[in-house]
Amino acid sequence: MELQTLTYIVVGLTFSLYIGIAIWARAGTTKDFYVAGGGIHPVQNGMATAADWMSAASFISMAGLIALSYGGYGGSVFLMGWTGGYVILAMLLAPYLRKYGKFTVPEFIGDRFYSKSARAVAVVCLIICSVTYVIGQMKGVGVAFSRFLEVDYDTGLYVGMTIVFFYAVLGGMKGITYTQIAQYCVLILAYTIPAIFISLQLTGNPIPQLGLGSTLVGTDVYLLDKLDMVVTDLGFKEYTTNVRLSGINMFAYTMSLMIGTAGLPHVIIRFFTVPKVKDARSSAGWALVFIAILYTTAPAVAGMARLNLMQTIEPEPGNYLAYEERPEWFKNWEKTGLLQFEDKNGDGLIQYSADTATNEMVKIDNDIMVLANPEIAKLPNWVIALVAAGGLAAALSTAAGLLLAISSAISHDLLKGMIAPDISEKAELNASRIAMAVAIAGAGYLGLNPPGFAAGTVALAFGLAASSIFPALMMGIFSKGITKEGAIAGMVAGISVTLFYVFQHKGIMFIPGTAFLGDTPANWFMGIEPNAFGVVGAVVNFAVAFAVSKVTAAPPEHVQEMVEHIRIPVGSGEATGH
C-alpha cells in the first residue's frame, strides 16, 4: 500500500479513537471539566501527564536539536532540564497543591496571597505562558499534516483544531485525560519502533539506548566514534564533546527548563485530578517513568539520524552524491522547504560541510530529523505512517492541555472567582466550553499568523513559567512571610525582565525606542542566551518578592496557618473549587 494512503488510514484511525473517547467521557459537571472528577488513577494520570508534557517539541524537535544544533553533550540540557523538573514537581509542588484541593494554579495563588489582584496577575502570567507554548503546537500540527497528508499548512491546522475542539470542548479535563492516555500509547510506539528498527540496522542491538554505545554491524568501530569521524571530516565540531556555548550557559539553560517544567500550568493542573495527596506524588513518579522512555531514546535517535543523513549524502569520504540521484525522501522534504540544496560550484554533486562558503546543503531544518529518519533508513511505509500519527498525537495532546489551562483561567478564575462569584454550576460549565472554543480559535489564528518569535516559542514558554509562576508557588508553599504585595511585585518583575531580555535578543522591539542588542553572545548577560534567561527572571522574582515583603505588613494569621496546614503530609482536601 502506498505511503499516503496508509498514512491517511493510520491517522484517521487514531483521530476516530480520540473523538470516540471524547463522546464517551463527556463532562457533566464543572468538576469533570476542570479536574476529571478527581478520581484518576496515578498510573493513568502519569501516562496522561506524559502525553500532556511531551509536545511536538519533545517528539519532533528535541532529537533534531541534539543531532544538528547542540551536539550530543550540548543536547543534554534538554534531557536533564525537562526530566529534572518532574523531580521538583514530585517533591516540592504536586503533593502540596493537591492537598490544597482547588481547581487551578491562580486560585491557589489568590487564596495564599489573600488577594484578587494576585490571582489576576497569576491569570495573566498563565495565559502568556500557555499562549506562547500553544503557538508551537499548532505549528507542529500544520507542518506534520502538510508533509504526510500532502495538504497545505492551513488545511492541516484547521483539521487539527477541529479534532481538539471535539474532545476538549466536549470532555474537558475528563475527555482530555483519557484521550491523552491513548495519545501517549500512539506517540511512544511511533517514537520507539523506528528507533528499534534503525538500531538493529546499524548495530544489531534492538535497544536504541544500548545501540548508541555499540559497534556498527560487521565492524569493531563504535557508532559514536564513526559519527565523530564523519562530522569532523566535514569540518564540524566533534559530536560527542560539543558544548553549548559555555558552562554557565548550559547550567542556566538546564535550570530554566527544569523550573520552567515545574511551573507550567497545564502540567500542574494534572495533579488536581487524583484522589489523594500521595497519588499526586505517585503520578509525578509514573509520569517521569513514561517520559524517560522517550527521553532516553532521543539521544540514540539523534545520533543515528545524523549518521544516516550524512552517510546518505556522502557515502564515502570525498565521494559526494549526485543531486540527480538524490533519494525519494530527499525530494519529499524539498517540497516542504525544510530541506534545500544550492549547487554553488555547478558540478551537480551535493557537497555538505561546515564551511558556509562551500556548503551546498543550505537548509536542513532541525524538525525534519525525527520525521525523515524512517524514510532515510528505508523502513516500511507503516512505520513512516505511524511516525506521522505520533507527531500529531504529541502536538494535539499538549495543545489540549494548554487550551484547558487557558479556558479554566478565564471561566473559573476570572468569571467565577472575580466577576460573577454566584454563577450557577451549569452556567460556569457552559462558560468553560465557550472559553475553550474561543481559546481554540485564538490558538488557530496564532498558528496561521505566528508572531515573529514563533521559532523560539517553546523555550520562551519555559522561561516565562520559570520566572513568574514557579517562584510564586514555591514561596506560597514554603514561606509564611511572603506578602501579597511581595508576590505581585515578584511575578511582575520576573516575567517583565524575562520578556524584555528575550524580545531584545530575538529582534523584536518590545519597548518602543529601545536599541536592538542583537542575538549574539557578546551582548548576552553573563553569556546566557535568551532561551536560558528564565532562571535569571526567577532569581529577580524571588529577590523582589522577599524585599517587598520585608517592608509590607505580614500576612494575616489565618493565611500563615493555612501554609502550615498545607505542609503537613496528612489528609487531603477534595478538589471542590470552593
Protein backbone atom coordinates (compact mmCIF):
# COMPACT_ATOMS: atom_id res chain seq x y z
CA MET A 1 0.00 0.00 0.00
CA GLU A 2 1.38 3.43 -0.91
CA LEU A 3 2.57 5.71 1.87
CA GLN A 4 -0.04 8.47 1.59
CA THR A 5 -2.99 6.05 1.66
CA LEU A 6 -1.52 4.18 4.62
CA THR A 7 -0.87 7.46 6.45
CA TYR A 8 -4.46 8.57 5.95
CA ILE A 9 -5.68 5.25 7.36
CA VAL A 10 -3.41 5.27 10.44
CA VAL A 11 -4.02 8.95 11.25
CA GLY A 12 -7.75 8.55 10.58
CA LEU A 13 -8.00 5.60 12.96
CA THR A 14 -6.21 7.48 15.74
CA PHE A 15 -8.43 10.53 15.26
CA SER A 16 -11.53 8.35 15.38
CA LEU A 17 -10.27 6.91 18.65
CA TYR A 18 -9.79 10.39 20.15
CA ILE A 19 -13.28 11.54 19.14
CA GLY A 20 -14.85 8.32 20.40
CA ILE A 21 -13.19 8.76 23.79
CA ALA A 22 -14.43 12.36 23.95
CA ILE A 23 -18.01 11.27 23.38
CA TRP A 24 -17.70 8.51 25.99
CA ALA A 25 -16.03 10.78 28.59
CA ARG A 26 -18.26 13.82 28.11
CA ALA A 27 -18.02 16.15 31.13
CA GLY A 28 -21.30 16.62 33.02
CA THR A 29 -20.09 18.84 35.88
CA THR A 30 -17.52 21.57 36.43
CA LYS A 31 -15.51 19.07 38.47
CA ASP A 32 -15.42 16.73 35.47
CA PHE A 33 -14.43 19.62 33.21
CA TYR A 34 -11.67 21.05 35.42
CA VAL A 35 -10.21 18.01 37.24
CA ALA A 36 -11.78 14.93 35.55
CA GLY A 37 -13.90 14.26 38.64
CA GLY A 38 -10.78 13.98 40.84
CA GLY A 39 -10.70 10.18 40.56
CA ILE A 40 -7.98 9.39 38.00
CA HIS A 41 -5.65 6.53 38.98
CA PRO A 42 -2.00 7.61 39.49
CA VAL A 43 -0.70 5.35 36.69
CA GLN A 44 -3.34 6.64 34.28
CA ASN A 45 -2.63 10.19 35.36
CA GLY A 46 1.11 9.62 34.93
CA MET A 47 0.52 8.45 31.37
CA ALA A 48 -1.79 11.39 30.61
CA THR A 49 0.72 13.79 32.18
CA ALA A 50 3.49 12.37 29.99
CA ALA A 51 1.39 12.95 26.87
CA ASP A 52 0.38 16.40 28.10
CA TRP A 53 4.03 17.22 28.66
CA MET A 54 5.65 15.63 25.60
CA SER A 55 4.71 18.12 22.94
CA ALA A 56 5.72 18.50 19.33
CA ALA A 57 8.97 19.93 20.73
CA SER A 58 9.79 16.68 22.52
CA PHE A 59 8.65 14.36 19.73
CA ILE A 60 9.73 16.28 16.64
CA SER A 61 12.29 18.91 17.66
CA MET A 62 14.40 17.60 20.54
CA ALA A 63 16.31 14.89 18.70
CA GLY A 64 16.81 17.28 15.79
CA LEU A 65 18.27 19.91 18.10
CA ILE A 66 20.63 17.34 19.61
CA ALA A 67 21.59 16.00 16.18
CA LEU A 68 22.23 19.26 14.33
CA SER A 69 22.41 22.29 16.63
CA TYR A 70 23.64 21.24 20.05
CA GLY A 71 25.62 18.05 19.55
CA GLY A 72 25.48 15.07 21.85
CA TYR A 73 26.82 16.73 25.00
CA GLY A 74 25.25 20.12 24.41
CA GLY A 75 21.85 18.49 23.94
CA SER A 76 21.95 17.09 27.47
CA VAL A 77 20.40 20.36 28.70
CA PHE A 78 17.04 19.13 27.38
CA LEU A 79 17.31 15.68 28.91
CA MET A 80 18.35 16.97 32.34
CA GLY A 81 16.12 20.02 32.34
CA TRP A 82 12.88 18.55 31.05
CA THR A 83 13.07 15.41 33.22
CA GLY A 84 14.57 17.07 36.30
CA GLY A 85 11.55 19.34 36.51
CA TYR A 86 9.40 16.35 37.40
CA VAL A 87 11.58 15.59 40.41
CA ILE A 88 10.91 19.13 41.65
CA LEU A 89 7.20 18.68 40.91
CA ALA A 90 7.04 15.37 42.77
CA MET A 91 8.94 16.56 45.81
CA LEU A 92 8.13 20.25 46.20
CA LEU A 93 4.88 21.17 44.45
CA ALA A 94 2.44 18.45 43.38
CA PRO A 95 1.52 16.94 46.78
CA TYR A 96 1.05 20.32 48.46
CA LEU A 97 -1.06 21.76 45.68
CA ARG A 98 -3.18 18.60 45.59
CA LYS A 99 -3.70 18.79 49.32
CA TYR A 100 -4.95 22.35 49.00
CA GLY A 101 -7.76 20.93 46.90
CA LYS A 102 -8.67 23.65 44.41
CA PHE A 103 -9.03 23.58 40.64
CA THR A 104 -6.39 25.96 39.28
CA VAL A 105 -2.97 27.49 39.94
CA PRO A 106 -4.27 31.11 40.01
CA GLU A 107 -6.88 30.06 42.58
CA PHE A 108 -4.16 28.80 44.92
CA ILE A 109 -2.09 31.96 44.40
CA GLY A 110 -5.14 34.18 45.01
CA ASP A 111 -6.02 32.39 48.27
CA ARG A 112 -2.46 32.03 49.54
CA PHE A 113 -1.66 35.68 48.91
CA TYR A 114 -5.15 36.78 50.08
CA SER A 115 -5.65 38.98 47.06
CA LYS A 116 -7.79 39.02 43.93
CA SER A 117 -5.08 41.15 42.36
CA ALA A 118 -2.52 38.36 42.91
CA ARG A 119 -4.97 35.93 41.32
CA ALA A 120 -5.43 38.26 38.34
CA VAL A 121 -1.67 38.64 37.86
CA ALA A 122 -1.31 34.85 38.00
CA VAL A 123 -4.03 34.52 35.35
CA VAL A 124 -2.18 36.95 33.08
CA CYS A 125 1.12 35.07 33.59
CA LEU A 126 -0.62 31.74 32.94
CA ILE A 127 -2.22 32.98 29.73
CA ILE A 128 1.05 34.49 28.45
CA CYS A 129 2.94 31.22 29.12
CA SER A 130 0.22 28.98 27.68
CA VAL A 131 -0.49 31.04 24.58
CA THR A 132 3.24 31.25 23.85
CA TYR A 133 3.55 27.48 24.17
CA VAL A 134 0.42 26.64 22.17
CA ILE A 135 1.70 28.53 19.10
CA GLY A 136 4.44 25.93 18.71
CA GLN A 137 1.93 23.08 19.00
CA MET A 138 -0.36 24.48 16.33
CA LYS A 139 2.63 24.97 14.02
CA GLY A 140 3.65 21.35 14.67
CA VAL A 141 0.19 20.16 13.65
CA GLY A 142 0.30 22.19 10.42
CA VAL A 143 3.81 21.01 9.48
CA ALA A 144 3.07 17.32 10.14
CA PHE A 145 -0.14 17.44 8.12
CA SER A 146 1.43 19.35 5.23
CA ARG A 147 4.19 16.75 4.81
CA PHE A 148 2.47 13.44 5.46
CA LEU A 149 -1.10 14.07 4.30
CA GLU A 150 0.05 16.31 1.44
CA VAL A 151 -2.35 19.12 2.21
CA ASP A 152 -1.43 22.76 2.62
CA TYR A 153 -0.40 24.08 6.04
CA ASP A 154 -3.65 25.99 6.64
CA THR A 155 -5.85 22.96 5.88
CA GLY A 156 -3.80 20.79 8.23
CA LEU A 157 -4.18 23.33 11.00
CA TYR A 158 -7.96 23.54 10.52
CA VAL A 159 -8.26 19.75 10.79
CA GLY A 160 -6.17 19.72 13.95
CA MET A 161 -8.28 22.49 15.50
CA THR A 162 -11.46 20.53 14.73
CA ILE A 163 -10.17 17.37 16.42
CA VAL A 164 -9.08 19.29 19.53
CA PHE A 165 -12.44 21.09 19.60
CA PHE A 166 -14.33 17.80 19.75
CA TYR A 167 -12.51 16.14 22.63
CA ALA A 168 -11.55 19.26 24.60
CA VAL A 169 -14.83 21.17 24.48
CA LEU A 170 -17.00 18.06 24.93
CA GLY A 171 -14.97 16.32 27.60
CA GLY A 172 -12.95 18.99 29.36
CA MET A 173 -10.26 17.52 31.61
CA LYS A 174 -12.13 14.20 31.75
CA GLY A 175 -12.14 13.81 27.98
CA ILE A 176 -8.64 15.20 27.64
CA THR A 177 -7.25 12.81 30.27
CA TYR A 178 -8.48 9.62 28.63
CA THR A 179 -7.62 10.92 25.17
CA GLN A 180 -4.09 11.73 26.35
CA ILE A 181 -3.68 8.18 27.62
CA ALA A 182 -4.45 6.95 24.10
CA GLN A 183 -2.20 9.62 22.61
CA TYR A 184 0.69 8.56 24.85
CA CYS A 185 0.40 4.99 23.57
CA VAL A 186 0.40 6.25 19.97
CA LEU A 187 3.32 8.65 20.35
CA ILE A 188 5.57 6.32 22.35
CA LEU A 189 5.10 3.47 19.87
CA ALA A 190 5.67 5.90 16.99
CA TYR A 191 8.93 7.08 18.58
CA THR A 192 10.42 3.80 19.78
CA ILE A 193 9.52 1.40 16.95
CA PRO A 194 11.55 3.27 14.28
CA ALA A 195 14.38 3.67 16.79
CA ILE A 196 14.44 -0.10 17.37
CA PHE A 197 14.49 -0.80 13.62
CA ILE A 198 17.31 1.66 12.97
CA SER A 199 19.34 0.48 15.96
CA LEU A 200 19.09 -3.08 14.60
CA GLN A 201 20.15 -1.92 11.14
CA LEU A 202 23.20 -0.03 12.35
CA THR A 203 24.41 -2.02 15.38
CA GLY A 204 22.41 -5.24 15.57
CA ASN A 205 21.20 -4.20 19.03
CA PRO A 206 17.38 -3.83 19.34
CA ILE A 207 17.65 -1.47 22.33
CA PRO A 208 18.43 2.02 20.97
CA GLN A 209 19.86 3.26 24.27
CA LEU A 210 22.44 0.45 24.15
CA GLY A 211 22.84 0.62 20.40
CA LEU A 212 24.15 4.19 20.68
CA GLY A 213 27.15 2.84 22.58
CA SER A 214 27.62 -0.29 20.46
CA THR A 215 29.80 -1.11 17.47
CA LEU A 216 28.47 -0.89 13.91
CA VAL A 217 27.35 -4.15 12.30
CA GLY A 218 30.28 -6.09 10.84
CA THR A 219 32.94 -3.79 12.29
CA ASP A 220 34.74 -3.07 15.54
CA VAL A 221 34.08 0.68 15.17
CA TYR A 222 31.73 2.20 17.73
CA LEU A 223 28.77 4.16 16.35
CA LEU A 224 29.71 7.37 18.17
CA ASP A 225 33.36 7.08 17.06
CA LYS A 226 32.17 6.71 13.46
CA LEU A 227 29.87 9.71 13.85
CA ASP A 228 32.72 11.80 15.26
CA MET A 229 34.90 10.84 12.29
CA VAL A 230 32.19 11.68 9.75
CA VAL A 231 31.34 15.11 11.20
CA THR A 232 34.96 16.19 11.81
CA ASP A 233 35.95 15.15 8.27
CA LEU A 234 33.42 17.68 7.02
CA GLY A 235 34.68 20.42 9.34
CA PHE A 236 32.00 20.19 12.03
CA LYS A 237 32.78 20.05 15.75
CA GLU A 238 33.20 16.63 17.29
CA TYR A 239 29.68 15.36 18.00
CA THR A 240 30.29 13.86 21.44
CA THR A 241 32.08 16.83 23.00
CA ASN A 242 30.19 19.77 21.53
CA VAL A 243 29.38 22.13 24.44
CA ARG A 244 26.53 24.63 24.10
CA LEU A 245 28.38 27.99 24.20
CA SER A 246 29.69 27.85 27.80
CA GLY A 247 29.42 26.01 31.09
CA ILE A 248 27.44 28.78 32.78
CA ASN A 249 25.05 28.94 29.82
CA MET A 250 24.46 25.18 29.97
CA PHE A 251 23.78 25.41 33.70
CA ALA A 252 21.37 28.32 33.22
CA TYR A 253 19.61 26.59 30.32
CA THR A 254 19.19 23.37 32.32
CA MET A 255 17.85 25.20 35.37
CA SER A 256 15.49 27.32 33.28
CA LEU A 257 13.99 24.24 31.64
CA MET A 258 13.83 22.44 34.98
CA ILE A 259 11.98 25.08 36.99
CA GLY A 260 10.01 26.04 33.90
CA THR A 261 8.74 22.47 33.73
CA ALA A 262 7.71 22.64 37.38
CA GLY A 263 5.92 25.93 36.76
CA LEU A 264 3.95 25.15 33.60
CA PRO A 265 0.25 25.45 34.48
CA HIS A 266 -1.04 22.77 32.11
CA VAL A 267 1.26 20.24 33.80
CA ILE A 268 0.45 21.35 37.36
CA ILE A 269 -3.33 21.08 36.94
CA ARG A 270 -2.94 17.39 36.14
CA PHE A 271 -2.13 16.75 39.81
CA PHE A 272 -5.55 18.04 40.87
CA THR A 273 -7.17 15.06 39.09
CA VAL A 274 -6.08 12.30 41.50
CA PRO A 275 -7.98 11.23 44.65
CA LYS A 276 -5.29 11.69 47.33
CA VAL A 277 -2.13 13.61 48.18
CA LYS A 278 0.13 10.57 47.90
CA ASP A 279 -1.38 9.90 44.47
CA ALA A 280 -0.11 13.29 43.28
CA ARG A 281 3.47 12.35 44.15
CA SER A 282 2.97 8.87 42.69
CA SER A 283 1.59 10.41 39.49
CA ALA A 284 4.69 12.54 39.09
CA GLY A 285 6.86 9.45 39.53
CA TRP A 286 4.91 7.48 36.93
CA ALA A 287 4.99 10.46 34.56
CA LEU A 288 8.78 10.55 34.87
CA VAL A 289 8.97 6.83 34.02
CA PHE A 290 6.76 7.24 30.94
CA ILE A 291 8.65 10.35 29.83
CA ALA A 292 12.03 8.68 30.36
CA ILE A 293 11.15 6.01 27.79
CA LEU A 294 11.17 8.68 25.09
CA TYR A 295 13.86 10.90 26.57
CA THR A 296 16.43 8.13 26.95
CA THR A 297 15.68 7.08 23.37
CA ALA A 298 16.11 10.61 21.97
CA PRO A 299 19.97 10.70 22.09
CA ALA A 300 20.06 7.43 20.13
CA VAL A 301 17.55 8.75 17.58
CA ALA A 302 19.62 11.94 17.23
CA GLY A 303 22.98 10.22 16.78
CA MET A 304 21.69 7.58 14.39
CA ALA A 305 19.71 10.11 12.34
CA ARG A 306 22.76 12.37 11.97
CA LEU A 307 24.91 9.43 10.86
CA ASN A 308 22.31 8.19 8.37
CA LEU A 309 21.78 11.67 6.95
CA MET A 310 25.45 12.39 6.40
CA GLN A 311 26.29 8.97 5.01
CA THR A 312 23.38 9.18 2.59
CA ILE A 313 24.72 12.46 1.19
CA GLU A 314 28.37 11.37 1.31
CA PRO A 315 28.53 7.53 1.23
CA GLU A 316 32.36 7.58 1.25
CA PRO A 317 34.80 10.37 2.21
CA GLY A 318 35.05 12.72 -0.77
CA ASN A 319 32.52 10.69 -2.78
CA TYR A 320 29.54 13.03 -2.88
CA LEU A 321 26.05 12.02 -4.02
CA ALA A 322 24.90 13.43 -7.37
CA TYR A 323 21.90 15.73 -6.98
CA GLU A 324 20.07 14.00 -9.84
CA GLU A 325 20.45 10.69 -7.98
CA ARG A 326 19.09 12.00 -4.67
CA PRO A 327 16.75 9.55 -2.91
CA GLU A 328 12.97 9.89 -2.73
CA TRP A 329 12.97 11.09 0.89
CA PHE A 330 15.21 14.00 -0.16
CA LYS A 331 12.74 15.03 -2.89
CA ASN A 332 9.78 14.76 -0.50
CA TRP A 333 11.33 17.06 2.09
CA GLU A 334 12.49 19.54 -0.55
CA LYS A 335 8.81 20.10 -1.35
CA THR A 336 8.22 21.34 2.21
CA GLY A 337 11.02 23.92 2.04
CA LEU A 338 12.61 22.45 5.18
CA LEU A 339 15.44 20.89 3.13
CA GLN A 340 17.22 22.97 0.49
CA PHE A 341 20.16 22.35 -1.86
CA GLU A 342 22.08 25.00 -3.82
CA ASP A 343 24.65 23.91 -6.42
CA LYS A 344 27.23 26.61 -5.71
CA ASN A 345 30.04 25.23 -7.92
CA GLY A 346 27.83 23.82 -10.69
CA ASP A 347 29.23 20.26 -10.52
CA GLY A 348 25.86 18.64 -9.75
CA LEU A 349 27.17 17.00 -6.56
CA ILE A 350 25.75 17.54 -3.06
CA GLN A 351 28.68 18.88 -1.04
CA TYR A 352 27.84 19.16 2.66
CA SER A 353 30.34 20.79 5.01
CA ALA A 354 30.73 23.20 7.92
CA ASP A 355 32.19 25.87 5.62
CA THR A 356 29.26 28.14 4.76
CA ALA A 357 31.03 29.35 1.61
CA THR A 358 31.15 25.87 0.07
CA ASN A 359 28.32 24.08 1.89
CA GLU A 360 25.55 23.29 -0.60
CA MET A 361 23.04 21.92 1.91
CA VAL A 362 21.90 25.45 2.64
CA LYS A 363 18.99 24.35 4.81
CA ILE A 364 18.44 21.25 6.95
CA ASP A 365 15.71 22.11 9.42
CA ASN A 366 16.11 20.52 12.86
CA ASP A 367 12.47 19.43 12.80
CA ILE A 368 12.87 17.03 9.88
CA MET A 369 15.28 14.66 11.64
CA VAL A 370 12.76 12.52 13.54
CA LEU A 371 10.10 12.63 10.81
CA ALA A 372 12.52 11.92 7.95
CA ASN A 373 14.67 9.37 9.78
CA PRO A 374 12.46 6.31 8.95
CA GLU A 375 12.41 7.35 5.28
CA ILE A 376 16.20 7.81 5.22
CA ALA A 377 16.61 4.36 6.78
CA LYS A 378 14.17 2.88 4.20
CA LEU A 379 11.83 1.49 6.83
CA PRO A 380 8.42 0.05 5.86
CA ASN A 381 5.66 2.51 4.98
CA TRP A 382 3.56 1.53 8.00
CA VAL A 383 6.39 2.72 10.28
CA ILE A 384 6.55 6.07 8.48
CA ALA A 385 2.74 6.40 8.77
CA LEU A 386 2.95 5.60 12.48
CA VAL A 387 5.55 8.37 12.97
CA ALA A 388 3.14 10.85 11.35
CA ALA A 389 0.38 9.79 13.76
CA GLY A 390 2.79 10.05 16.69
CA GLY A 391 3.88 13.57 15.81
CA LEU A 392 0.26 14.68 15.56
CA ALA A 393 -0.60 12.95 18.85
CA ALA A 394 2.24 14.76 20.62
CA ALA A 395 1.19 18.17 19.30
CA LEU A 396 -2.55 17.67 19.89
CA SER A 397 -2.19 16.26 23.42
CA THR A 398 -0.17 19.24 24.64
CA ALA A 399 -2.34 21.74 22.78
CA ALA A 400 -5.43 20.34 24.54
CA GLY A 401 -3.83 20.64 27.99
CA LEU A 402 -2.71 24.20 27.33
CA LEU A 403 -6.12 25.23 26.00
CA LEU A 404 -7.80 23.76 29.10
CA ALA A 405 -5.45 25.76 31.33
CA ILE A 406 -6.33 28.94 29.42
CA SER A 407 -10.11 28.31 29.45
CA SER A 408 -10.05 27.38 33.16
CA ALA A 409 -8.24 30.61 33.97
CA ILE A 410 -10.89 32.59 32.09
CA SER A 411 -14.05 30.78 33.25
CA HIS A 412 -13.09 29.73 36.78
CA ASP A 413 -10.58 32.34 37.90
CA LEU A 414 -11.82 35.46 36.13
CA LEU A 415 -15.56 34.79 35.70
CA LYS A 416 -16.45 32.81 38.83
CA GLY A 417 -13.56 33.92 41.01
CA MET A 418 -13.70 37.66 40.36
CA ILE A 419 -16.57 38.84 38.14
CA ALA A 420 -19.61 36.65 38.96
CA PRO A 421 -18.95 34.57 42.09
CA ASP A 422 -22.61 33.49 42.37
CA ILE A 423 -22.79 31.97 38.89
CA SER A 424 -24.50 28.55 38.77
CA GLU A 425 -22.55 25.37 38.04
CA LYS A 426 -24.38 24.85 34.74
CA ALA A 427 -23.65 28.43 33.63
CA GLU A 428 -20.00 28.05 34.65
CA LEU A 429 -19.74 24.79 32.67
CA ASN A 430 -21.22 26.48 29.61
CA ALA A 431 -18.86 29.43 30.09
CA SER A 432 -15.95 26.98 30.31
CA ARG A 433 -16.91 25.41 26.99
CA ILE A 434 -17.30 28.82 25.34
CA ALA A 435 -13.90 29.90 26.73
CA MET A 436 -12.36 26.68 25.39
CA ALA A 437 -13.85 27.28 21.93
CA VAL A 438 -12.56 30.86 21.92
CA ALA A 439 -9.12 29.67 23.08
CA ILE A 440 -9.01 27.12 20.22
CA ALA A 441 -9.97 29.82 17.72
CA GLY A 442 -7.30 32.13 19.12
CA ALA A 443 -4.65 29.38 19.03
CA GLY A 444 -5.61 28.59 15.45
CA TYR A 445 -5.25 32.24 14.45
CA LEU A 446 -1.79 32.40 16.02
CA GLY A 447 -0.89 29.15 14.27
CA LEU A 448 -1.97 30.63 10.93
CA ASN A 449 -0.35 34.00 11.65
CA PRO A 450 2.54 33.23 14.00
CA PRO A 451 4.41 36.20 15.52
CA GLY A 452 7.99 36.80 14.55
CA PHE A 453 9.41 34.96 17.56
CA ALA A 454 7.40 31.76 16.92
CA ALA A 455 10.52 29.69 16.23
CA GLY A 456 11.56 30.10 19.85
CA THR A 457 8.14 29.85 21.45
CA VAL A 458 8.67 26.62 23.35
CA ALA A 459 11.87 27.75 25.08
CA LEU A 460 10.28 31.14 25.73
CA ALA A 461 7.26 29.49 27.38
CA PHE A 462 9.54 27.68 29.83
CA GLY A 463 11.41 30.86 30.63
CA LEU A 464 8.17 32.71 31.32
CA ALA A 465 6.82 29.96 33.58
CA ALA A 466 10.17 29.73 35.38
CA SER A 467 10.28 33.46 36.03
CA SER A 468 6.66 34.02 37.09
CA ILE A 469 4.59 31.03 38.28
CA PHE A 470 7.24 28.72 39.76
CA PRO A 471 8.65 31.24 42.31
CA ALA A 472 5.14 32.28 43.39
CA LEU A 473 4.19 28.66 44.07
CA MET A 474 7.42 27.86 45.91
CA MET A 475 7.17 30.94 48.14
CA GLY A 476 3.45 30.35 48.65
CA ILE A 477 4.09 26.84 49.97
CA PHE A 478 7.35 27.24 51.87
CA SER A 479 7.44 30.84 53.14
CA LYS A 480 4.79 32.15 55.51
CA GLY A 481 6.24 35.64 55.41
CA ILE A 482 5.70 36.48 51.72
CA THR A 483 3.00 39.13 51.45
CA LYS A 484 0.51 39.82 48.69
CA GLU A 485 2.47 42.93 47.69
CA GLY A 486 5.67 40.91 47.53
CA ALA A 487 4.14 38.12 45.45
CA ILE A 488 2.56 40.51 42.96
CA ALA A 489 5.73 42.58 42.61
CA GLY A 490 7.83 39.42 42.21
CA MET A 491 5.66 37.94 39.45
CA VAL A 492 5.50 41.22 37.55
CA ALA A 493 9.26 41.81 37.86
CA GLY A 494 10.22 38.24 36.93
CA ILE A 495 8.10 37.94 33.81
CA SER A 496 8.85 41.52 32.71
CA VAL A 497 12.64 41.18 32.83
CA THR A 498 12.45 37.85 31.01
CA LEU A 499 10.19 39.21 28.26
CA PHE A 500 12.37 42.28 27.87
CA TYR A 501 15.59 40.28 27.57
CA VAL A 502 14.18 37.67 25.19
CA PHE A 503 12.47 40.16 22.91
CA GLN A 504 15.55 42.39 22.78
CA HIS A 505 17.75 39.49 21.71
CA LYS A 506 15.23 37.89 19.38
CA GLY A 507 14.94 41.00 17.25
CA ILE A 508 11.55 42.24 18.46
CA MET A 509 11.14 45.85 19.53
CA PHE A 510 9.23 45.12 22.72
CA ILE A 511 9.54 48.65 24.07
CA PRO A 512 9.42 51.49 21.51
CA GLY A 513 12.63 53.48 21.31
CA THR A 514 14.90 50.82 22.80
CA ALA A 515 18.01 49.75 20.90
CA PHE A 516 18.09 46.25 19.45
CA LEU A 517 21.01 44.50 21.08
CA GLY A 518 21.32 41.63 18.62
CA ASP A 519 21.24 37.90 19.28
CA THR A 520 24.98 37.46 19.80
CA PRO A 521 26.91 36.08 22.80
CA ALA A 522 28.92 39.31 23.13
CA ASN A 523 25.75 41.14 24.17
CA TRP A 524 24.29 38.47 26.46
CA PHE A 525 24.18 38.91 30.23
CA MET A 526 26.97 36.70 31.63
CA GLY A 527 26.95 34.83 28.31
CA ILE A 528 23.44 33.46 28.95
CA GLU A 529 21.41 33.02 25.77
CA PRO A 530 17.79 34.28 25.64
CA ASN A 531 16.30 30.76 25.77
CA ALA A 532 18.06 30.20 29.10
CA PHE A 533 17.19 33.51 30.75
CA GLY A 534 14.17 32.23 32.67
CA VAL A 535 16.37 31.25 35.62
CA VAL A 536 17.61 34.86 35.92
CA GLY A 537 13.99 36.05 35.83
CA ALA A 538 13.22 33.58 38.63
CA VAL A 539 16.06 35.00 40.77
CA VAL A 540 14.67 38.51 40.17
CA ASN A 541 11.19 37.28 41.16
CA PHE A 542 12.43 35.78 44.44
CA ALA A 543 14.60 38.79 45.28
CA VAL A 544 11.84 41.37 44.62
CA ALA A 545 9.21 39.33 46.48
CA PHE A 546 11.36 38.96 49.60
CA ALA A 547 12.47 42.61 49.51
CA VAL A 548 8.92 43.97 49.18
CA SER A 549 7.62 41.56 51.83
CA LYS A 550 10.16 42.94 54.29
CA VAL A 551 8.65 46.42 54.08
CA THR A 552 4.95 45.49 53.96
CA ALA A 553 2.52 44.17 56.57
CA ALA A 554 2.85 40.47 57.41
CA PRO A 555 0.23 38.05 56.01
CA PRO A 556 -2.88 37.53 58.18
CA GLU A 557 -2.72 34.82 60.83
CA HIS A 558 -5.21 32.55 59.05
CA VAL A 559 -3.05 32.62 55.89
CA GLN A 560 0.05 31.64 57.86
CA GLU A 561 -1.93 28.80 59.47
CA MET A 562 -3.06 27.69 56.01
CA VAL A 563 0.57 27.49 54.85
CA GLU A 564 1.44 25.37 57.90
CA HIS A 565 -1.52 23.10 57.22
CA ILE A 566 -0.60 22.59 53.55
CA ARG A 567 2.86 21.40 54.52
CA ILE A 568 1.63 18.76 57.00
CA PRO A 569 1.78 15.50 55.00
CA VAL A 570 -1.55 14.02 56.11
CA GLY A 571 -5.11 14.17 54.80
CA SER A 572 -6.39 15.54 51.55
CA GLY A 573 -8.88 18.17 50.65
CA GLU A 574 -11.29 17.19 47.89
CA ALA A 575 -10.86 19.26 44.72
CA THR A 576 -14.04 21.26 45.04
CA GLY A 577 -13.12 24.59 43.53
CA HIS A 578 -14.63 26.39 46.54
